Amino acid sequence: MKKYLKELELASALLLVIGVVLSMVKSYAIGAWPCGVGLLIFLTVFLYKAFHWKEYERDNKQYIVILLICIFILITQMIFHK
């Protein structure tokens, strides 16, 4: 698994971008699937690095900040989107 972490991160980011673009162009339902798969891949990489904290401490701190920003954006969209 350690060999493929960068590839998995790139794949998850690519799927997230594809999902966002599809949801803006086509519909939310079509874009949700690539986003969901991308988030699951990102979650597996995040959990692997969390269990190996000493080795990936810098990456983990960046991931925590990114996840907090994403949660904040999602909450603000849920509140203000009507």
N, C-alpha and C. Protein backbone atom coordinates (compact mmCIF):
# COMPACT_ATOMS: atom_id res chain seq x y z
N MET A 1 0.84 -1.20 0.00
CA MET A 1 0.00 0.00 0.00
C MET A 1 0.87 1.25 0.00
N LYS A 2 1.99 1.18 0.69
CA LYS A 2 2.84 2.36 0.81
C LYS A 2 3.33 2.85 -0.55
N LYS A 3 3.54 1.93 -1.49
CA LYS A 3 4.02 2.30 -2.82
C LYS A 3 3.00 3.12 -3.59
N TYR A 4 1.72 2.89 -3.33
CA TYR A 4 0.66 3.45 -4.14
C TYR A 4 -0.05 4.64 -3.51
N LEU A 5 0.47 5.20 -2.44
CA LEU A 5 -0.22 6.30 -1.76
C LEU A 5 -0.35 7.53 -2.65
N LYS A 6 0.72 7.90 -3.33
CA LYS A 6 0.65 9.09 -4.20
C LYS A 6 -0.33 8.88 -5.34
N GLU A 7 -0.34 7.67 -5.92
CA GLU A 7 -1.27 7.39 -7.01
C GLU A 7 -2.72 7.42 -6.53
N LEU A 8 -2.94 6.89 -5.33
CA LEU A 8 -4.29 6.91 -4.77
C LEU A 8 -4.74 8.34 -4.45
N GLU A 9 -3.83 9.15 -3.94
CA GLU A 9 -4.17 10.56 -3.68
C GLU A 9 -4.52 11.28 -4.97
N LEU A 10 -3.74 11.04 -6.02
CA LEU A 10 -4.00 11.68 -7.32
C LEU A 10 -5.32 11.20 -7.90
N ALA A 11 -5.59 9.89 -7.80
CA ALA A 11 -6.84 9.35 -8.31
C ALA A 11 -8.04 9.93 -7.57
N SER A 12 -7.92 10.05 -6.25
CA SER A 12 -9.05 10.59 -5.49
C SER A 12 -9.28 12.06 -5.83
N ALA A 13 -8.21 12.83 -5.98
CA ALA A 13 -8.37 14.24 -6.35
C ALA A 13 -8.98 14.37 -7.74
N LEU A 14 -8.54 13.52 -8.66
CA LEU A 14 -9.09 13.56 -10.03
C LEU A 14 -10.57 13.19 -10.04
N LEU A 15 -10.95 12.18 -9.28
CA LEU A 15 -12.36 11.81 -9.20
C LEU A 15 -13.20 12.91 -8.56
N LEU A 16 -12.65 13.58 -7.55
CA LEU A 16 -13.38 14.68 -6.93
C LEU A 16 -13.61 15.82 -7.92
N VAL A 17 -12.58 16.15 -8.69
CA VAL A 17 -12.73 17.23 -9.68
C VAL A 17 -13.73 16.82 -10.76
N ILE A 18 -13.64 15.59 -11.23
CA ILE A 18 -14.59 15.11 -12.24
C ILE A 18 -16.01 15.16 -11.69
N GLY A 19 -16.19 14.75 -10.45
CA GLY A 19 -17.52 14.78 -9.85
C GLY A 19 -18.08 16.18 -9.70
N VAL A 20 -17.24 17.11 -9.31
CA VAL A 20 -17.70 18.50 -9.17
C VAL A 20 -18.07 19.08 -10.53
N VAL A 21 -17.25 18.83 -11.53
CA VAL A 21 -17.54 19.35 -12.88
C VAL A 21 -18.82 18.71 -13.42
N LEU A 22 -18.97 17.41 -13.26
CA LEU A 22 -20.19 16.75 -13.73
C LEU A 22 -21.43 17.27 -13.01
N SER A 23 -21.32 17.54 -11.72
CA SER A 23 -22.48 18.05 -11.00
C SER A 23 -22.84 19.46 -11.43
N MET A 24 -21.85 20.24 -11.86
CA MET A 24 -22.15 21.58 -12.34
C MET A 24 -22.69 21.55 -13.77
N VAL A 25 -22.18 20.66 -14.60
CA VAL A 25 -22.57 20.61 -16.00
C VAL A 25 -23.85 19.81 -16.21
N LYS A 26 -23.89 18.60 -15.70
CA LYS A 26 -25.04 17.72 -15.93
C LYS A 26 -26.05 17.86 -14.79
N SER A 27 -25.85 17.06 -13.76
CA SER A 27 -26.75 17.11 -12.61
C SER A 27 -26.01 16.63 -11.37
N TYR A 28 -26.61 16.92 -10.25
CA TYR A 28 -25.99 16.55 -8.98
C TYR A 28 -25.88 15.04 -8.84
N ALA A 29 -26.89 14.31 -9.31
CA ALA A 29 -26.90 12.86 -9.15
C ALA A 29 -25.76 12.20 -9.94
N ILE A 30 -25.46 12.72 -11.09
CA ILE A 30 -24.38 12.14 -11.90
C ILE A 30 -23.03 12.46 -11.27
N GLY A 31 -22.84 13.64 -10.75
CA GLY A 31 -21.57 14.03 -10.16
C GLY A 31 -21.32 13.47 -8.78
N ALA A 32 -22.36 12.99 -8.13
CA ALA A 32 -22.21 12.47 -6.77
C ALA A 32 -21.42 11.17 -6.73
N TRP A 33 -21.56 10.35 -7.73
CA TRP A 33 -20.87 9.05 -7.74
C TRP A 33 -19.35 9.18 -7.80
N PRO A 34 -18.80 9.95 -8.76
CA PRO A 34 -17.34 10.10 -8.74
C PRO A 34 -16.83 10.78 -7.48
N CYS A 35 -17.59 11.74 -6.96
CA CYS A 35 -17.19 12.41 -5.71
C CYS A 35 -17.18 11.42 -4.56
N GLY A 36 -18.19 10.58 -4.49
CA GLY A 36 -18.25 9.59 -3.42
C GLY A 36 -17.10 8.60 -3.47
N VAL A 37 -16.78 8.12 -4.67
CA VAL A 37 -15.67 7.19 -4.82
C VAL A 37 -14.34 7.88 -4.49
N GLY A 38 -14.19 9.12 -4.95
CA GLY A 38 -12.98 9.88 -4.64
C GLY A 38 -12.81 10.12 -3.15
N LEU A 39 -13.91 10.40 -2.46
CA LEU A 39 -13.85 10.60 -1.02
C LEU A 39 -13.52 9.31 -0.29
N LEU A 40 -14.05 8.18 -0.77
CA LEU A 40 -13.71 6.90 -0.14
C LEU A 40 -12.23 6.56 -0.31
N ILE A 41 -11.69 6.82 -1.49
CA ILE A 41 -10.26 6.58 -1.70
C ILE A 41 -9.43 7.51 -0.82
N PHE A 42 -9.83 8.78 -0.76
CA PHE A 42 -9.13 9.75 0.09
C PHE A 42 -9.19 9.32 1.56
N LEU A 43 -10.34 8.80 1.97
CA LEU A 43 -10.49 8.35 3.35
C LEU A 43 -9.58 7.17 3.66
N THR A 44 -9.44 6.23 2.73
CA THR A 44 -8.56 5.09 2.98
C THR A 44 -7.10 5.54 3.10
N VAL A 45 -6.68 6.48 2.25
CA VAL A 45 -5.32 7.00 2.34
C VAL A 45 -5.13 7.74 3.66
N PHE A 46 -6.11 8.54 4.03
CA PHE A 46 -6.04 9.29 5.28
C PHE A 46 -5.96 8.35 6.49
N LEU A 47 -6.75 7.30 6.49
CA LEU A 47 -6.72 6.36 7.61
C LEU A 47 -5.41 5.60 7.67
N TYR A 48 -4.88 5.22 6.52
CA TYR A 48 -3.59 4.54 6.50
C TYR A 48 -2.50 5.43 7.09
N LYS A 49 -2.49 6.69 6.67
CA LYS A 49 -1.48 7.61 7.18
C LYS A 49 -1.72 7.96 8.65
N ALA A 50 -2.98 7.93 9.09
CA ALA A 50 -3.27 8.21 10.50
C ALA A 50 -2.75 7.09 11.39
N PHE A 51 -2.82 5.85 10.92
CA PHE A 51 -2.31 4.74 11.71
C PHE A 51 -0.78 4.68 11.70
N HIS A 52 -0.16 5.37 10.77
CA HIS A 52 1.30 5.48 10.71
C HIS A 52 1.70 6.94 10.93
N TRP A 53 1.28 7.49 12.08
CA TRP A 53 1.38 8.93 12.34
C TRP A 53 2.81 9.44 12.31
N LYS A 54 3.73 8.74 12.91
CA LYS A 54 5.12 9.22 12.98
C LYS A 54 5.71 9.43 11.60
N GLU A 55 5.40 8.53 10.70
CA GLU A 55 5.97 8.59 9.35
C GLU A 55 5.33 9.68 8.50
N TYR A 56 4.03 9.94 8.71
CA TYR A 56 3.29 10.88 7.88
C TYR A 56 2.72 12.04 8.70
N GLU A 57 3.44 12.50 9.69
CA GLU A 57 2.91 13.54 10.58
C GLU A 57 2.59 14.83 9.84
N ARG A 58 3.47 15.26 8.96
CA ARG A 58 3.25 16.51 8.22
C ARG A 58 2.03 16.40 7.31
N ASP A 59 1.91 15.28 6.59
CA ASP A 59 0.76 15.07 5.72
C ASP A 59 -0.54 15.02 6.52
N ASN A 60 -0.50 14.38 7.67
CA ASN A 60 -1.71 14.27 8.48
C ASN A 60 -2.19 15.63 8.96
N LYS A 61 -1.27 16.49 9.35
CA LYS A 61 -1.68 17.83 9.79
C LYS A 61 -2.31 18.61 8.63
N GLN A 62 -1.76 18.46 7.43
CA GLN A 62 -2.35 19.12 6.26
C GLN A 62 -3.74 18.56 5.97
N TYR A 63 -3.89 17.23 6.07
CA TYR A 63 -5.19 16.62 5.82
C TYR A 63 -6.23 17.09 6.82
N ILE A 64 -5.84 17.24 8.07
CA ILE A 64 -6.78 17.70 9.08
C ILE A 64 -7.26 19.11 8.77
N VAL A 65 -6.35 19.98 8.35
CA VAL A 65 -6.73 21.35 7.98
C VAL A 65 -7.64 21.33 6.76
N ILE A 66 -7.31 20.52 5.76
CA ILE A 66 -8.13 20.43 4.55
C ILE A 66 -9.52 19.93 4.89
N LEU A 67 -9.61 18.89 5.71
CA LEU A 67 -10.92 18.35 6.08
C LEU A 67 -11.74 19.35 6.88
N LEU A 68 -11.10 20.11 7.77
CA LEU A 68 -11.84 21.13 8.52
C LEU A 68 -12.38 22.23 7.60
N ILE A 69 -11.57 22.62 6.62
CA ILE A 69 -12.03 23.63 5.66
C ILE A 69 -13.20 23.09 4.84
N CYS A 70 -13.11 21.84 4.40
CA CYS A 70 -14.20 21.24 3.62
C CYS A 70 -15.48 21.12 4.45
N ILE A 71 -15.35 20.74 5.70
CA ILE A 71 -16.53 20.65 6.56
C ILE A 71 -17.15 22.02 6.76
N PHE A 72 -16.32 23.05 6.94
CA PHE A 72 -16.83 24.40 7.09
C PHE A 72 -17.57 24.85 5.83
N ILE A 73 -17.00 24.57 4.67
CA ILE A 73 -17.64 24.95 3.40
C ILE A 73 -18.96 24.21 3.23
N LEU A 74 -18.99 22.92 3.54
CA LEU A 74 -20.23 22.16 3.41
C LEU A 74 -21.32 22.67 4.35
N ILE A 75 -20.94 23.01 5.57
CA ILE A 75 -21.93 23.52 6.52
C ILE A 75 -22.47 24.87 6.06
N THR A 76 -21.59 25.74 5.59
CA THR A 76 -22.08 27.05 5.12
C THR A 76 -22.96 26.90 3.88
N GLN A 77 -22.65 25.96 3.01
CA GLN A 77 -23.51 25.74 1.85
C GLN A 77 -24.86 25.19 2.27
N MET A 78 -24.88 24.32 3.26
CA MET A 78 -26.15 23.76 3.72
C MET A 78 -27.01 24.83 4.39
N ILE A 79 -26.37 25.77 5.07
CA ILE A 79 -27.13 26.81 5.76
C ILE A 79 -27.67 27.84 4.77
N PHE A 80 -26.84 28.30 3.84
CA PHE A 80 -27.21 29.39 2.97
C PHE A 80 -27.80 28.97 1.64
N HIS A 81 -27.76 27.69 1.31
CA HIS A 81 -28.31 27.24 0.02
C HIS A 81 -29.77 26.85 0.22
N LYS A 82 -30.63 27.55 -0.51
CA LYS A 82 -32.07 27.27 -0.41
C LYS A 82 -32.69 27.11 -1.76
